[in-house]
């Protein structure tokens, strides 16, 4: 396992998203009302940046085709056809750590 410290928990407000890159792995950390989740930066449907989407503290919505997911469970809502993949995360002494033993990539539709 390759664990990396990303940031402090207070660096991402509740209801906020922030993009990060460690090595060659890009990801987004979302601070939902029920906890943190780290996901790939693009929508699994099409290669659209999820950081440009909308997050209300519980639901992440892609701004391209309005697919939605519950955060932090990553389960699909509404018309979404698949679950969001996510990286394993841990909170250690108010620091967010992410396991980057593999780069999660989607096979996007054209």
C-alpha atoms as a PDB file:
ATOM      1  CA  UNK A   1       0.000   0.000   0.000  1.00  0.00           C
ATOM      2  CA  UNK A   2       1.155   3.495  -0.783  1.00  0.00           C
ATOM      3  CA  UNK A   3      -0.259   5.921   1.756  1.00  0.00           C
ATOM      4  CA  UNK A   4       0.244   9.650   1.234  1.00  0.00           C
ATOM      5  CA  UNK A   5      -0.641  12.605   3.434  1.00  0.00           C
ATOM      6  CA  UNK A   6      -2.823  15.003   1.425  1.00  0.00           C
ATOM      7  CA  UNK A   7      -3.815  17.908   3.686  1.00  0.00           C
ATOM      8  CA  UNK A   8      -5.337  18.850   7.031  1.00  0.00           C
ATOM      9  CA  UNK A   9      -9.038  18.145   7.553  1.00  0.00           C
ATOM     10  CA  UNK A  10      -9.679  21.858   8.126  1.00  0.00           C
ATOM     11  CA  UNK A  11      -8.254  22.651   4.662  1.00  0.00           C
ATOM     12  CA  UNK A  12     -11.516  21.429   3.077  1.00  0.00           C
ATOM     13  CA  UNK A  13     -14.682  22.954   4.531  1.00  0.00           C
ATOM     14  CA  UNK A  14     -17.812  20.849   4.968  1.00  0.00           C
ATOM     15  CA  UNK A  15     -19.645  20.891   1.648  1.00  0.00           C
ATOM     16  CA  UNK A  16     -16.490  21.678  -0.327  1.00  0.00           C
ATOM     17  CA  UNK A  17     -14.366  19.845  -2.904  1.00  0.00           C
ATOM     18  CA  UNK A  18     -10.675  20.307  -3.652  1.00  0.00           C
ATOM     19  CA  UNK A  19      -8.494  18.873  -6.444  1.00  0.00           C
ATOM     20  CA  UNK A  20      -5.079  17.354  -5.701  1.00  0.00           C
ATOM     21  CA  UNK A  21      -2.259  15.636  -7.548  1.00  0.00           C
ATOM     22  CA  UNK A  22       0.316  13.327  -5.978  1.00  0.00           C
ATOM     23  CA  UNK A  23       2.871  11.998  -8.416  1.00  0.00           C
ATOM     24  CA  UNK A  24       0.890  11.249 -11.557  1.00  0.00           C
ATOM     25  CA  UNK A  25      -2.396  10.602  -9.750  1.00  0.00           C
ATOM     26  CA  UNK A  26      -5.067  13.309  -9.880  1.00  0.00           C
ATOM     27  CA  UNK A  27      -8.007  13.103  -7.486  1.00  0.00           C
ATOM     28  CA  UNK A  28     -10.639  15.144  -5.682  1.00  0.00           C
ATOM     29  CA  UNK A  29     -11.307  15.114  -1.968  1.00  0.00           C
ATOM     30  CA  UNK A  30     -14.871  15.953  -0.977  1.00  0.00           C
ATOM     31  CA  UNK A  31     -15.910  16.840   2.551  1.00  0.00           C
ATOM     32  CA  UNK A  32     -19.505  15.715   2.861  1.00  0.00           C
ATOM     33  CA  UNK A  33     -21.772  16.103   5.855  1.00  0.00           C
ATOM     34  CA  UNK A  34     -21.027  12.446   6.710  1.00  0.00           C
ATOM     35  CA  UNK A  35     -17.270  12.434   6.023  1.00  0.00           C
ATOM     36  CA  UNK A  36     -14.488  12.654   3.476  1.00  0.00           C
ATOM     37  CA  UNK A  37     -14.153  10.749   0.210  1.00  0.00           C
ATOM     38  CA  UNK A  38     -11.404  10.758  -2.439  1.00  0.00           C
ATOM     39  CA  UNK A  39     -12.490  10.122  -6.037  1.00  0.00           C
ATOM     40  CA  UNK A  40     -11.006  10.260  -9.533  1.00  0.00           C
ATOM     41  CA  UNK A  41     -11.286  13.737 -11.082  1.00  0.00           C
ATOM     42  CA  UNK A  42     -13.574  12.811 -13.978  1.00  0.00           C
ATOM     43  CA  UNK A  43     -17.126  11.562 -14.282  1.00  0.00           C
ATOM     44  CA  UNK A  44     -17.338   7.807 -14.990  1.00  0.00           C
ATOM     45  CA  UNK A  45     -19.843   8.526 -17.783  1.00  0.00           C
ATOM     46  CA  UNK A  46     -17.766  10.922 -19.880  1.00  0.00           C
ATOM     47  CA  UNK A  47     -14.453  12.664 -19.340  1.00  0.00           C
ATOM     48  CA  UNK A  48     -15.918  15.692 -17.584  1.00  0.00           C
ATOM     49  CA  UNK A  49     -14.230  17.341 -14.584  1.00  0.00           C
ATOM     50  CA  UNK A  50     -16.264  16.631 -11.450  1.00  0.00           C
ATOM     51  CA  UNK A  51     -14.636  19.585  -9.701  1.00  0.00           C
ATOM     52  CA  UNK A  52     -16.774  21.757 -12.038  1.00  0.00           C
ATOM     53  CA  UNK A  53     -19.915  20.009 -10.799  1.00  0.00           C
ATOM     54  CA  UNK A  54     -22.176  20.853  -7.890  1.00  0.00           C
ATOM     55  CA  UNK A  55     -21.990  19.552  -4.339  1.00  0.00           C
ATOM     56  CA  UNK A  56     -24.596  20.390  -1.696  1.00  0.00           C
ATOM     57  CA  UNK A  57     -22.949  18.566   1.210  1.00  0.00           C
ATOM     58  CA  UNK A  58     -24.619  15.229   0.421  1.00  0.00           C
ATOM     59  CA  UNK A  59     -25.049  14.915  -3.366  1.00  0.00           C
ATOM     60  CA  UNK A  60     -22.404  15.378  -6.054  1.00  0.00           C
ATOM     61  CA  UNK A  61     -23.818  16.329  -9.468  1.00  0.00           C
ATOM     62  CA  UNK A  62     -21.805  16.268 -12.696  1.00  0.00           C
ATOM     63  CA  UNK A  63     -22.533  19.487 -14.602  1.00  0.00           C
ATOM     64  CA  UNK A  64     -22.445  17.830 -18.049  1.00  0.00           C
ATOM     65  CA  UNK A  65     -25.286  15.251 -17.961  1.00  0.00           C
ATOM     66  CA  UNK A  66     -26.442  15.721 -14.349  1.00  0.00           C
ATOM     67  CA  UNK A  67     -25.429  12.287 -13.099  1.00  0.00           C
ATOM     68  CA  UNK A  68     -25.516  12.254  -9.280  1.00  0.00           C
ATOM     69  CA  UNK A  69     -23.944  10.340  -6.403  1.00  0.00           C
ATOM     70  CA  UNK A  70     -24.437  10.197  -2.657  1.00  0.00           C
ATOM     71  CA  UNK A  71     -21.329  11.311  -0.758  1.00  0.00           C
ATOM     72  CA  UNK A  72     -19.425   9.700   0.962  1.00  0.00           C
ATOM     73  CA  UNK A  73     -20.938   6.326  -0.071  1.00  0.00           C
ATOM     74  CA  UNK A  74     -20.423   7.074  -3.817  1.00  0.00           C
ATOM     75  CA  UNK A  75     -23.674   5.250  -4.605  1.00  0.00           C
ATOM     76  CA  UNK A  76     -25.514   6.403  -7.747  1.00  0.00           C
ATOM     77  CA  UNK A  77     -28.675   8.501  -7.550  1.00  0.00           C
ATOM     78  CA  UNK A  78     -31.301   9.318 -10.166  1.00  0.00           C
ATOM     79  CA  UNK A  79     -30.201   8.547 -13.736  1.00  0.00           C
ATOM     80  CA  UNK A  80     -26.607   7.650 -12.834  1.00  0.00           C
ATOM     81  CA  UNK A  81     -25.755   4.181 -14.096  1.00  0.00           C
ATOM     82  CA  UNK A  82     -22.775   3.332 -11.921  1.00  0.00           C
ATOM     83  CA  UNK A  83     -21.149   3.916  -8.574  1.00  0.00           C
ATOM     84  CA  UNK A  84     -18.235   6.349  -8.300  1.00  0.00           C
ATOM     85  CA  UNK A  85     -14.919   4.626  -7.701  1.00  0.00           C
ATOM     86  CA  UNK A  86     -13.035   5.931  -4.714  1.00  0.00           C
ATOM     87  CA  UNK A  87      -9.663   5.745  -3.050  1.00  0.00           C
ATOM     88  CA  UNK A  88      -9.243   4.431   0.466  1.00  0.00           C
ATOM     89  CA  UNK A  89      -8.770   7.306   2.916  1.00  0.00           C
ATOM     90  CA  UNK A  90      -7.970   7.644   6.606  1.00  0.00           C
ATOM     91  CA  UNK A  91      -7.951  10.519   9.052  1.00  0.00           C
ATOM     92  CA  UNK A  92      -4.812  10.514  11.205  1.00  0.00           C
ATOM     93  CA  UNK A  93      -4.315  13.307  13.752  1.00  0.00           C
ATOM     94  CA  UNK A  94      -6.559  15.644  11.692  1.00  0.00           C
ATOM     95  CA  UNK A  95      -4.624  14.860   8.501  1.00  0.00           C
ATOM     96  CA  UNK A  96      -6.255  13.251   5.457  1.00  0.00           C
ATOM     97  CA  UNK A  97      -4.301  10.284   4.093  1.00  0.00           C
ATOM     98  CA  UNK A  98      -4.998   8.508   0.796  1.00  0.00           C
ATOM     99  CA  UNK A  99      -3.962   5.060  -0.399  1.00  0.00           C
ATOM    100  CA  UNK A 100      -2.585   5.461  -3.928  1.00  0.00           C
ATOM    101  CA  UNK A 101      -1.498   1.886  -4.621  1.00  0.00           C
ATOM    102  CA  UNK A 102      -3.336   2.174  -7.970  1.00  0.00           C
ATOM    103  CA  UNK A 103      -4.532   4.995 -10.212  1.00  0.00           C
ATOM    104  CA  UNK A 104      -8.296   4.703 -10.731  1.00  0.00           C
ATOM    105  CA  UNK A 105      -9.202   5.450 -14.340  1.00  0.00           C
ATOM    106  CA  UNK A 106     -12.558   5.126 -16.064  1.00  0.00           C
ATOM    107  CA  UNK A 107     -13.115   3.770 -19.566  1.00  0.00           C
ATOM    108  CA  UNK A 108     -15.118   6.779 -20.805  1.00  0.00           C
ATOM    109  CA  UNK A 109     -17.781   6.608 -23.477  1.00  0.00           C
ATOM    110  CA  UNK A 110     -17.181   8.645 -26.591  1.00  0.00           C
END
